[in-house]
Amino acid sequence: MTPPIPQRPMLAPDILRLLRPHILDGAAWSREDCHLGAGVRFDAAAIIGGEVHGFEVKSEADSLARLTHAVPSQITTYSMVCDRVTLVAAPKHVARALAIIPPWWGVLRVTPVGLVCERISERNPGDACVRLARLLWTNEARPLARQHGVARAGSLLRGDMTRALATLPEPALRAAVGAAIPRRPWR
């Protein structure tokens, strides 16, 4: 009788392969390992149903330290720019993660055969217009600000422009973000 082959723990690339066909492939736009803006790096990000959804992967080899202890923490930065966030975690992280992440974050548990939903993501309760304005790069924000009359060309610093854009109606900002992100020069 042959001894069973031990299963190696899934690493982040393995987990992203599980995520792709169920979520990322059906999105209007998706990208793995990307910086959307506001200094936030995502394991995966997507625009799903017009909403910006961030995915953070925590494999067996990872720790949860950066979720809360980094400066700024992943919880803080993801919450600043995402409409929804889902943590995709190895089983050893799920219980602790559920205790520390915001209640609107979703959690997918990784199993050898796929992903199991522990908690469905809900919409970020924070100000959507501020989130969306933060996602626009300066070269995307300036024309939008001029178009809507909230700034003259080059008249505002980045933070001021974000605050000015956040006064626009959410549908206008959501359309601008949805159009801008896919056009960016991704590597």
N, C-alpha and C. Protein backbone atom coordinates (compact mmCIF):
# COMPACT_ATOMS: atom_id res chain seq x y z
N MET A 1 0.84 -1.17 0.00
CA MET A 1 0.00 0.00 0.00
C MET A 1 0.89 1.24 0.00
N THR A 2 0.56 2.17 -0.89
CA THR A 2 1.34 3.40 -1.00
C THR A 2 0.88 4.40 0.05
N PRO A 3 1.85 5.04 0.72
CA PRO A 3 1.45 6.05 1.70
C PRO A 3 0.81 7.24 1.00
N PRO A 4 -0.12 7.89 1.66
CA PRO A 4 -0.75 9.05 1.02
C PRO A 4 0.26 10.17 0.79
N ILE A 5 0.06 10.85 -0.31
CA ILE A 5 0.94 11.99 -0.62
C ILE A 5 0.45 13.17 0.21
N PRO A 6 1.36 13.72 1.02
CA PRO A 6 0.91 14.85 1.83
C PRO A 6 0.57 16.05 0.95
N GLN A 7 -0.51 16.74 1.30
CA GLN A 7 -0.88 17.92 0.53
C GLN A 7 -0.07 19.09 1.04
N ARG A 8 0.53 19.81 0.09
CA ARG A 8 1.27 21.00 0.50
C ARG A 8 0.27 22.12 0.75
N PRO A 9 0.59 23.01 1.67
CA PRO A 9 -0.33 24.13 1.91
C PRO A 9 -0.46 24.99 0.65
N MET A 10 -1.65 25.53 0.43
CA MET A 10 -1.86 26.40 -0.73
C MET A 10 -1.20 27.74 -0.47
N LEU A 11 -0.50 28.23 -1.47
CA LEU A 11 0.12 29.54 -1.40
C LEU A 11 -0.78 30.54 -2.13
N ALA A 12 -0.46 31.83 -2.02
CA ALA A 12 -1.30 32.87 -2.61
C ALA A 12 -1.60 32.64 -4.09
N PRO A 13 -0.62 32.27 -4.94
CA PRO A 13 -0.96 32.04 -6.36
C PRO A 13 -1.97 30.91 -6.55
N ASP A 14 -1.89 29.87 -5.73
CA ASP A 14 -2.86 28.77 -5.80
C ASP A 14 -4.26 29.28 -5.44
N ILE A 15 -4.32 30.12 -4.42
CA ILE A 15 -5.60 30.64 -3.95
C ILE A 15 -6.20 31.57 -5.00
N LEU A 16 -5.37 32.39 -5.63
CA LEU A 16 -5.88 33.27 -6.69
C LEU A 16 -6.42 32.46 -7.86
N ARG A 17 -5.81 31.31 -8.15
CA ARG A 17 -6.32 30.44 -9.21
C ARG A 17 -7.73 29.94 -8.88
N LEU A 18 -8.00 29.70 -7.59
CA LEU A 18 -9.34 29.30 -7.17
C LEU A 18 -10.34 30.45 -7.30
N LEU A 19 -9.87 31.65 -7.05
CA LEU A 19 -10.73 32.83 -7.07
C LEU A 19 -11.11 33.26 -8.49
N ARG A 20 -10.18 33.07 -9.41
CA ARG A 20 -10.39 33.55 -10.79
C ARG A 20 -11.69 33.11 -11.44
N PRO A 21 -11.95 31.82 -11.58
CA PRO A 21 -13.14 31.44 -12.35
C PRO A 21 -14.47 31.82 -11.70
N HIS A 22 -14.50 31.94 -10.39
CA HIS A 22 -15.75 32.21 -9.69
C HIS A 22 -16.06 33.69 -9.56
N ILE A 23 -15.04 34.50 -9.47
CA ILE A 23 -15.28 35.92 -9.21
C ILE A 23 -14.59 36.82 -10.23
N LEU A 24 -13.30 36.67 -10.38
CA LEU A 24 -12.55 37.62 -11.19
C LEU A 24 -12.89 37.54 -12.67
N ASP A 25 -13.10 36.34 -13.19
CA ASP A 25 -13.39 36.20 -14.62
C ASP A 25 -14.74 36.81 -15.01
N GLY A 26 -15.67 36.92 -14.08
CA GLY A 26 -16.99 37.47 -14.39
C GLY A 26 -17.09 38.97 -14.14
N ALA A 27 -16.01 39.58 -13.71
CA ALA A 27 -16.03 41.01 -13.39
C ALA A 27 -15.92 41.86 -14.66
N ALA A 28 -16.40 43.10 -14.58
CA ALA A 28 -16.25 44.04 -15.69
C ALA A 28 -14.77 44.34 -15.91
N TRP A 29 -14.01 44.31 -14.84
CA TRP A 29 -12.55 44.51 -14.89
C TRP A 29 -11.98 43.81 -13.67
N SER A 30 -10.82 43.18 -13.83
CA SER A 30 -10.14 42.61 -12.67
C SER A 30 -8.64 42.57 -12.93
N ARG A 31 -7.91 42.57 -11.85
CA ARG A 31 -6.45 42.56 -11.95
C ARG A 31 -5.90 41.95 -10.66
N GLU A 32 -4.86 41.16 -10.80
CA GLU A 32 -4.17 40.61 -9.63
C GLU A 32 -2.93 41.44 -9.36
N ASP A 33 -2.54 41.51 -8.11
CA ASP A 33 -1.34 42.22 -7.66
C ASP A 33 -1.27 43.61 -8.29
N CYS A 34 -2.13 44.48 -7.82
CA CYS A 34 -2.17 45.81 -8.42
C CYS A 34 -2.30 46.91 -7.37
N HIS A 35 -1.90 48.09 -7.79
CA HIS A 35 -2.05 49.31 -6.99
C HIS A 35 -3.13 50.14 -7.65
N LEU A 36 -4.26 50.31 -7.00
CA LEU A 36 -5.34 51.11 -7.59
C LEU A 36 -5.14 52.59 -7.35
N GLY A 37 -4.45 52.93 -6.33
CA GLY A 37 -4.28 54.33 -5.95
C GLY A 37 -4.35 54.42 -4.45
N ALA A 38 -4.16 55.62 -3.94
CA ALA A 38 -4.21 55.88 -2.50
C ALA A 38 -3.21 55.01 -1.74
N GLY A 39 -2.16 54.56 -2.41
CA GLY A 39 -1.12 53.77 -1.77
C GLY A 39 -1.53 52.37 -1.38
N VAL A 40 -2.58 51.84 -1.99
CA VAL A 40 -3.12 50.54 -1.60
C VAL A 40 -2.75 49.49 -2.65
N ARG A 41 -2.11 48.39 -2.18
CA ARG A 41 -1.79 47.26 -3.05
C ARG A 41 -2.76 46.13 -2.73
N PHE A 42 -3.35 45.59 -3.79
CA PHE A 42 -4.32 44.51 -3.64
C PHE A 42 -3.76 43.20 -4.17
N ASP A 43 -4.08 42.09 -3.52
CA ASP A 43 -3.77 40.79 -4.11
C ASP A 43 -4.60 40.63 -5.37
N ALA A 44 -5.84 41.11 -5.32
CA ALA A 44 -6.71 41.15 -6.51
C ALA A 44 -7.74 42.25 -6.27
N ALA A 45 -8.11 42.89 -7.37
CA ALA A 45 -9.16 43.91 -7.31
C ALA A 45 -10.05 43.71 -8.52
N ALA A 46 -11.30 44.11 -8.38
CA ALA A 46 -12.25 43.93 -9.48
C ALA A 46 -13.33 45.00 -9.41
N ILE A 47 -13.93 45.25 -10.56
CA ILE A 47 -15.13 46.07 -10.61
C ILE A 47 -16.25 45.10 -10.94
N ILE A 48 -17.13 44.92 -9.97
CA ILE A 48 -18.22 43.95 -10.08
C ILE A 48 -19.53 44.70 -9.83
N GLY A 49 -20.39 44.69 -10.81
CA GLY A 49 -21.65 45.41 -10.67
C GLY A 49 -21.45 46.89 -10.40
N GLY A 50 -20.39 47.47 -10.94
CA GLY A 50 -20.10 48.88 -10.74
C GLY A 50 -19.40 49.20 -9.44
N GLU A 51 -19.20 48.21 -8.58
CA GLU A 51 -18.55 48.43 -7.29
C GLU A 51 -17.08 47.98 -7.33
N VAL A 52 -16.25 48.71 -6.61
CA VAL A 52 -14.83 48.36 -6.50
C VAL A 52 -14.70 47.36 -5.36
N HIS A 53 -14.19 46.17 -5.70
CA HIS A 53 -14.08 45.08 -4.74
C HIS A 53 -12.61 44.69 -4.60
N GLY A 54 -12.09 44.75 -3.38
CA GLY A 54 -10.72 44.35 -3.12
C GLY A 54 -10.67 42.98 -2.48
N PHE A 55 -9.65 42.21 -2.84
CA PHE A 55 -9.46 40.87 -2.29
C PHE A 55 -8.08 40.79 -1.67
N GLU A 56 -8.03 40.37 -0.42
CA GLU A 56 -6.77 40.15 0.28
C GLU A 56 -6.65 38.67 0.57
N VAL A 57 -5.52 38.07 0.16
CA VAL A 57 -5.30 36.64 0.33
C VAL A 57 -4.35 36.42 1.51
N LYS A 58 -4.74 35.54 2.40
CA LYS A 58 -3.88 35.12 3.51
C LYS A 58 -3.76 33.60 3.45
N SER A 59 -2.62 33.14 2.95
CA SER A 59 -2.38 31.70 2.82
C SER A 59 -1.87 31.15 4.15
N GLU A 60 -1.66 29.84 4.19
CA GLU A 60 -1.10 29.19 5.39
C GLU A 60 0.22 29.83 5.80
N ALA A 61 1.00 30.25 4.80
CA ALA A 61 2.33 30.80 5.07
C ALA A 61 2.28 32.25 5.56
N ASP A 62 1.14 32.91 5.45
CA ASP A 62 1.01 34.31 5.84
C ASP A 62 0.61 34.45 7.30
N SER A 63 0.70 35.68 7.77
CA SER A 63 0.15 36.01 9.09
C SER A 63 -0.89 37.10 8.88
N LEU A 64 -1.62 37.42 9.92
CA LEU A 64 -2.63 38.48 9.83
C LEU A 64 -2.09 39.82 10.32
N ALA A 65 -0.80 39.89 10.60
CA ALA A 65 -0.22 41.10 11.20
C ALA A 65 -0.47 42.36 10.37
N ARG A 66 -0.32 42.29 9.06
CA ARG A 66 -0.48 43.49 8.24
C ARG A 66 -1.93 43.97 8.18
N LEU A 67 -2.88 43.09 8.51
CA LEU A 67 -4.28 43.53 8.55
C LEU A 67 -4.47 44.63 9.58
N THR A 68 -3.81 44.50 10.73
CA THR A 68 -4.03 45.45 11.81
C THR A 68 -2.80 46.21 12.27
N HIS A 69 -1.61 45.64 12.12
CA HIS A 69 -0.42 46.24 12.73
C HIS A 69 0.45 47.06 11.79
N ALA A 70 0.26 46.96 10.50
CA ALA A 70 1.06 47.78 9.59
C ALA A 70 0.59 49.22 9.73
N VAL A 71 1.44 50.15 9.32
CA VAL A 71 1.06 51.56 9.37
C VAL A 71 1.10 52.11 7.95
N PRO A 72 -0.02 52.39 7.33
CA PRO A 72 -1.36 52.11 7.80
C PRO A 72 -1.71 50.64 7.60
N SER A 73 -2.68 50.17 8.33
CA SER A 73 -3.07 48.76 8.25
C SER A 73 -3.82 48.48 6.96
N GLN A 74 -3.86 47.20 6.57
CA GLN A 74 -4.63 46.81 5.39
C GLN A 74 -6.11 47.07 5.61
N ILE A 75 -6.59 46.89 6.82
CA ILE A 75 -8.00 47.16 7.10
C ILE A 75 -8.30 48.63 6.82
N THR A 76 -7.45 49.52 7.29
CA THR A 76 -7.65 50.95 7.08
C THR A 76 -7.59 51.31 5.61
N THR A 77 -6.55 50.86 4.92
CA THR A 77 -6.38 51.28 3.53
C THR A 77 -7.42 50.68 2.61
N TYR A 78 -7.76 49.41 2.77
CA TYR A 78 -8.79 48.80 1.93
C TYR A 78 -10.13 49.48 2.17
N SER A 79 -10.42 49.78 3.43
CA SER A 79 -11.69 50.41 3.77
C SER A 79 -11.79 51.83 3.22
N MET A 80 -10.64 52.48 2.99
CA MET A 80 -10.63 53.83 2.45
C MET A 80 -11.04 53.90 0.98
N VAL A 81 -10.84 52.80 0.23
CA VAL A 81 -11.05 52.89 -1.22
C VAL A 81 -12.00 51.84 -1.81
N CYS A 82 -12.39 50.85 -1.06
CA CYS A 82 -13.22 49.77 -1.63
C CYS A 82 -14.67 49.86 -1.22
N ASP A 83 -15.55 49.56 -2.18
CA ASP A 83 -16.97 49.43 -1.87
C ASP A 83 -17.22 48.14 -1.10
N ARG A 84 -16.46 47.11 -1.44
CA ARG A 84 -16.54 45.82 -0.77
C ARG A 84 -15.12 45.25 -0.65
N VAL A 85 -14.91 44.44 0.39
CA VAL A 85 -13.63 43.76 0.58
C VAL A 85 -13.92 42.32 0.97
N THR A 86 -13.14 41.41 0.41
CA THR A 86 -13.24 40.00 0.80
C THR A 86 -11.85 39.50 1.17
N LEU A 87 -11.76 38.91 2.35
CA LEU A 87 -10.54 38.24 2.78
C LEU A 87 -10.66 36.79 2.35
N VAL A 88 -9.66 36.31 1.64
CA VAL A 88 -9.64 34.92 1.18
C VAL A 88 -8.55 34.25 2.01
N ALA A 89 -8.95 33.40 2.95
CA ALA A 89 -8.01 32.95 3.98
C ALA A 89 -7.93 31.44 4.13
N ALA A 90 -6.73 31.00 4.49
CA ALA A 90 -6.52 29.60 4.86
C ALA A 90 -7.32 29.35 6.14
N PRO A 91 -7.74 28.09 6.36
CA PRO A 91 -8.58 27.78 7.52
C PRO A 91 -8.00 28.25 8.85
N LYS A 92 -6.69 28.21 9.01
CA LYS A 92 -6.10 28.59 10.30
C LYS A 92 -6.31 30.07 10.64
N HIS A 93 -6.63 30.90 9.64
CA HIS A 93 -6.80 32.34 9.87
C HIS A 93 -8.26 32.77 10.06
N VAL A 94 -9.21 31.94 9.68
CA VAL A 94 -10.60 32.38 9.58
C VAL A 94 -11.18 32.89 10.90
N ALA A 95 -11.08 32.13 11.98
CA ALA A 95 -11.70 32.54 13.24
C ALA A 95 -11.12 33.87 13.74
N ARG A 96 -9.81 33.99 13.72
CA ARG A 96 -9.18 35.23 14.19
C ARG A 96 -9.53 36.39 13.27
N ALA A 97 -9.53 36.15 11.96
CA ALA A 97 -9.86 37.21 11.00
C ALA A 97 -11.27 37.73 11.23
N LEU A 98 -12.22 36.82 11.43
CA LEU A 98 -13.61 37.24 11.67
C LEU A 98 -13.73 38.13 12.91
N ALA A 99 -12.83 37.95 13.86
CA ALA A 99 -12.87 38.75 15.08
C ALA A 99 -12.25 40.14 14.90
N ILE A 100 -11.40 40.33 13.87
CA ILE A 100 -10.70 41.61 13.76
C ILE A 100 -11.09 42.46 12.55
N ILE A 101 -11.64 41.87 11.52
CA ILE A 101 -12.00 42.66 10.34
C ILE A 101 -13.37 43.32 10.55
N PRO A 102 -13.64 44.40 9.81
CA PRO A 102 -14.96 45.04 9.93
C PRO A 102 -16.08 44.07 9.56
N PRO A 103 -17.26 44.25 10.14
CA PRO A 103 -18.36 43.32 9.89
C PRO A 103 -18.86 43.32 8.44
N TRP A 104 -18.54 44.34 7.67
CA TRP A 104 -18.99 44.39 6.27
C TRP A 104 -18.02 43.66 5.33
N TRP A 105 -16.84 43.30 5.79
CA TRP A 105 -15.90 42.54 4.97
C TRP A 105 -16.41 41.10 4.83
N GLY A 106 -16.25 40.53 3.64
CA GLY A 106 -16.57 39.14 3.43
C GLY A 106 -15.37 38.26 3.73
N VAL A 107 -15.62 36.97 3.94
CA VAL A 107 -14.55 36.01 4.17
C VAL A 107 -14.84 34.74 3.38
N LEU A 108 -13.83 34.34 2.58
CA LEU A 108 -13.87 33.05 1.89
C LEU A 108 -12.80 32.17 2.51
N ARG A 109 -13.19 30.97 2.93
CA ARG A 109 -12.23 30.01 3.50
C ARG A 109 -11.73 29.11 2.37
N VAL A 110 -10.43 28.92 2.34
CA VAL A 110 -9.80 28.08 1.33
C VAL A 110 -9.84 26.63 1.79
N THR A 111 -10.30 25.75 0.90
CA THR A 111 -10.28 24.31 1.17
C THR A 111 -9.52 23.65 0.03
N PRO A 112 -9.13 22.40 0.17
CA PRO A 112 -8.41 21.72 -0.91
C PRO A 112 -9.21 21.63 -2.21
N VAL A 113 -10.52 21.75 -2.12
CA VAL A 113 -11.34 21.62 -3.33
C VAL A 113 -11.96 22.93 -3.81
N GLY A 114 -11.77 23.99 -3.07
CA GLY A 114 -12.34 25.26 -3.51
C GLY A 114 -12.48 26.25 -2.38
N LEU A 115 -13.37 27.21 -2.57
CA LEU A 115 -13.59 28.27 -1.60
C LEU A 115 -14.97 28.12 -0.96
N VAL A 116 -15.03 28.34 0.33
CA VAL A 116 -16.29 28.26 1.07
C VAL A 116 -16.56 29.63 1.67
N CYS A 117 -17.76 30.13 1.45
CA CYS A 117 -18.13 31.45 1.97
C CYS A 117 -18.42 31.35 3.47
N GLU A 118 -17.63 32.07 4.25
CA GLU A 118 -17.86 32.16 5.70
C GLU A 118 -18.74 33.37 6.00
N ARG A 119 -18.55 34.44 5.23
CA ARG A 119 -19.35 35.65 5.41
C ARG A 119 -19.37 36.41 4.09
N ILE A 120 -20.55 36.78 3.64
CA ILE A 120 -20.71 37.53 2.40
C ILE A 120 -20.34 38.99 2.65
N SER A 121 -19.61 39.58 1.71
CA SER A 121 -19.26 40.99 1.86
C SER A 121 -20.52 41.85 1.72
N GLU A 122 -20.51 42.94 2.47
CA GLU A 122 -21.57 43.93 2.39
C GLU A 122 -20.95 45.23 1.90
N ARG A 123 -21.78 46.18 1.56
CA ARG A 123 -21.27 47.46 1.07
C ARG A 123 -20.64 48.24 2.21
N ASN A 124 -19.51 48.83 1.93
CA ASN A 124 -18.80 49.67 2.88
C ASN A 124 -19.75 50.79 3.36
N PRO A 125 -19.91 50.94 4.68
CA PRO A 125 -20.85 51.96 5.18
C PRO A 125 -20.29 53.38 5.10
N GLY A 126 -19.00 53.52 4.77
CA GLY A 126 -18.40 54.86 4.68
C GLY A 126 -18.90 55.63 3.46
N ASP A 127 -18.44 56.84 3.32
CA ASP A 127 -18.86 57.74 2.24
C ASP A 127 -18.34 57.25 0.89
N ALA A 128 -19.23 56.80 0.03
CA ALA A 128 -18.85 56.25 -1.28
C ALA A 128 -18.17 57.30 -2.15
N CYS A 129 -18.63 58.53 -2.10
CA CYS A 129 -18.04 59.57 -2.96
C CYS A 129 -16.59 59.85 -2.58
N VAL A 130 -16.29 59.85 -1.30
CA VAL A 130 -14.90 60.05 -0.85
C VAL A 130 -14.04 58.88 -1.32
N ARG A 131 -14.55 57.64 -1.15
CA ARG A 131 -13.80 56.46 -1.61
C ARG A 131 -13.48 56.55 -3.10
N LEU A 132 -14.50 56.85 -3.88
CA LEU A 132 -14.33 56.89 -5.33
C LEU A 132 -13.38 58.00 -5.74
N ALA A 133 -13.48 59.16 -5.13
CA ALA A 133 -12.58 60.27 -5.46
C ALA A 133 -11.13 59.91 -5.14
N ARG A 134 -10.90 59.17 -4.08
CA ARG A 134 -9.53 58.74 -3.72
C ARG A 134 -8.92 57.81 -4.77
N LEU A 135 -9.77 57.07 -5.47
CA LEU A 135 -9.28 56.11 -6.45
C LEU A 135 -8.79 56.75 -7.74
N LEU A 136 -9.21 57.97 -8.01
CA LEU A 136 -8.82 58.62 -9.26
C LEU A 136 -7.39 59.15 -9.16
N TRP A 137 -6.61 58.84 -10.17
CA TRP A 137 -5.26 59.39 -10.25
C TRP A 137 -5.38 60.86 -10.64
N THR A 138 -4.37 61.64 -10.35
CA THR A 138 -4.42 63.08 -10.62
C THR A 138 -4.76 63.38 -12.07
N ASN A 139 -4.15 62.65 -13.01
CA ASN A 139 -4.42 62.90 -14.43
C ASN A 139 -5.85 62.51 -14.82
N GLU A 140 -6.52 61.74 -14.01
CA GLU A 140 -7.92 61.37 -14.24
C GLU A 140 -8.86 62.35 -13.51
N ALA A 141 -8.40 62.83 -12.36
CA ALA A 141 -9.22 63.69 -11.51
C ALA A 141 -9.33 65.11 -12.07
N ARG A 142 -8.24 65.66 -12.59
CA ARG A 142 -8.26 67.05 -13.07
C ARG A 142 -9.32 67.30 -14.13
N PRO A 143 -9.36 66.49 -15.22
CA PRO A 143 -10.39 66.76 -16.23
C PRO A 143 -11.82 66.62 -15.68
N LEU A 144 -12.02 65.67 -14.77
CA LEU A 144 -13.34 65.48 -14.17
C LEU A 144 -13.71 66.70 -13.33
N ALA A 145 -12.74 67.19 -12.56
CA ALA A 145 -12.98 68.37 -11.73
C ALA A 145 -13.31 69.59 -12.61
N ARG A 146 -12.59 69.76 -13.71
CA ARG A 146 -12.87 70.88 -14.63
C ARG A 146 -14.25 70.71 -15.27
N GLN A 147 -14.54 69.50 -15.72
CA GLN A 147 -15.82 69.21 -16.38
C GLN A 147 -17.01 69.58 -15.49
N HIS A 148 -16.87 69.31 -14.20
CA HIS A 148 -17.97 69.57 -13.26
C HIS A 148 -17.84 70.90 -12.54
N GLY A 149 -16.83 71.68 -12.92
CA GLY A 149 -16.69 73.02 -12.37
C GLY A 149 -16.28 73.09 -10.92
N VAL A 150 -15.62 72.04 -10.42
CA VAL A 150 -15.19 72.09 -9.02
C VAL A 150 -13.73 72.51 -8.88
N ALA A 151 -13.03 72.70 -10.01
CA ALA A 151 -11.64 73.16 -9.95
C ALA A 151 -11.20 73.65 -11.32
N ARG A 152 -10.33 74.65 -11.31
CA ARG A 152 -9.70 75.09 -12.55
C ARG A 152 -8.46 74.24 -12.76
N ALA A 153 -7.97 74.19 -13.97
CA ALA A 153 -6.79 73.38 -14.31
C ALA A 153 -5.63 73.73 -13.38
N GLY A 154 -5.13 72.72 -12.72
CA GLY A 154 -3.95 72.88 -11.88
C GLY A 154 -4.16 73.70 -10.62
N SER A 155 -5.41 74.04 -10.29
CA SER A 155 -5.65 74.95 -9.17
C SER A 155 -5.67 74.26 -7.81
N LEU A 156 -5.81 72.97 -7.78
CA LEU A 156 -5.94 72.28 -6.50
C LEU A 156 -4.83 71.26 -6.29
N LEU A 157 -4.40 71.15 -5.04
CA LEU A 157 -3.49 70.08 -4.67
C LEU A 157 -4.30 68.78 -4.64
N ARG A 158 -3.62 67.66 -4.61
CA ARG A 158 -4.28 66.35 -4.69
C ARG A 158 -5.38 66.19 -3.63
N GLY A 159 -5.06 66.48 -2.38
CA GLY A 159 -6.05 66.33 -1.30
C GLY A 159 -7.25 67.24 -1.49
N ASP A 160 -6.99 68.48 -1.91
CA ASP A 160 -8.08 69.42 -2.16
C ASP A 160 -8.96 68.94 -3.31
N MET A 161 -8.31 68.39 -4.34
CA MET A 161 -9.07 67.90 -5.49
C MET A 161 -9.95 66.71 -5.09
N THR A 162 -9.42 65.83 -4.25
CA THR A 162 -10.20 64.69 -3.77
C THR A 162 -11.43 65.18 -3.02
N ARG A 163 -11.24 66.14 -2.14
CA ARG A 163 -12.37 66.69 -1.39
C ARG A 163 -13.38 67.36 -2.32
N ALA A 164 -12.91 68.09 -3.32
CA ALA A 164 -13.81 68.76 -4.27
C ALA A 164 -14.59 67.74 -5.08
N LEU A 165 -13.91 66.70 -5.56
CA LEU A 165 -14.59 65.66 -6.35
C LEU A 165 -15.60 64.89 -5.52
N ALA A 166 -15.32 64.74 -4.24
CA ALA A 166 -16.24 63.99 -3.36
C ALA A 166 -17.58 64.70 -3.20
N THR A 167 -17.68 65.94 -3.67
CA THR A 167 -18.97 66.65 -3.61
C THR A 167 -19.83 66.33 -4.83
N LEU A 168 -19.28 65.65 -5.82
CA LEU A 168 -20.03 65.30 -7.03
C LEU A 168 -21.02 64.18 -6.72
N PRO A 169 -22.03 64.03 -7.57
CA PRO A 169 -22.98 62.92 -7.36
C PRO A 169 -22.26 61.57 -7.53
N GLU A 170 -22.66 60.63 -6.70
CA GLU A 170 -22.03 59.30 -6.73
C GLU A 170 -22.05 58.65 -8.12
N PRO A 171 -23.16 58.72 -8.87
CA PRO A 171 -23.15 58.09 -10.20
C PRO A 171 -22.07 58.66 -11.13
N ALA A 172 -21.83 59.96 -11.06
CA ALA A 172 -20.79 60.57 -11.90
C ALA A 172 -19.40 60.06 -11.51
N LEU A 173 -19.15 59.98 -10.21
CA LEU A 173 -17.85 59.47 -9.74
C LEU A 173 -17.68 57.99 -10.07
N ARG A 174 -18.73 57.22 -9.86
CA ARG A 174 -18.66 55.78 -10.13
C ARG A 174 -18.40 55.53 -11.62
N ALA A 175 -19.04 56.30 -12.49
CA ALA A 175 -18.81 56.17 -13.94
C ALA A 175 -17.37 56.55 -14.29
N ALA A 176 -16.86 57.61 -13.68
CA ALA A 176 -15.48 58.05 -13.96
C ALA A 176 -14.47 57.00 -13.51
N VAL A 177 -14.67 56.45 -12.32
CA VAL A 177 -13.76 55.41 -11.82
C VAL A 177 -13.86 54.16 -12.68
N GLY A 178 -15.08 53.75 -13.01
CA GLY A 178 -15.28 52.56 -13.84
C GLY A 178 -14.67 52.69 -15.22
N ALA A 179 -14.59 53.91 -15.74
CA ALA A 179 -13.96 54.13 -17.05
C ALA A 179 -12.45 54.28 -16.92
N ALA A 180 -11.98 54.91 -15.85
CA ALA A 180 -10.55 55.21 -15.71
C ALA A 180 -9.70 53.98 -15.38
N ILE A 181 -10.14 53.16 -14.44
CA ILE A 181 -9.31 52.04 -13.98
C ILE A 181 -8.93 51.09 -15.11
N PRO A 182 -9.85 50.66 -15.96
CA PRO A 182 -9.45 49.73 -17.04
C PRO A 182 -8.49 50.35 -18.06
N ARG A 183 -8.48 51.67 -18.19
CA ARG A 183 -7.62 52.34 -19.17
C ARG A 183 -6.20 52.59 -18.66
N ARG A 184 -5.96 52.34 -17.41
CA ARG A 184 -4.63 52.64 -16.85
C ARG A 184 -3.56 51.76 -17.46
N PRO A 185 -2.33 52.26 -17.51
CA PRO A 185 -1.23 51.48 -18.09
C PRO A 185 -0.70 50.42 -17.12
N TRP A 186 -1.43 49.30 -17.01
CA TRP A 186 -1.03 48.23 -16.10
C TRP A 186 0.16 47.49 -16.67
N ARG A 187 1.02 47.05 -15.78
CA ARG A 187 2.20 46.28 -16.21
C ARG A 187 1.89 44.80 -16.19
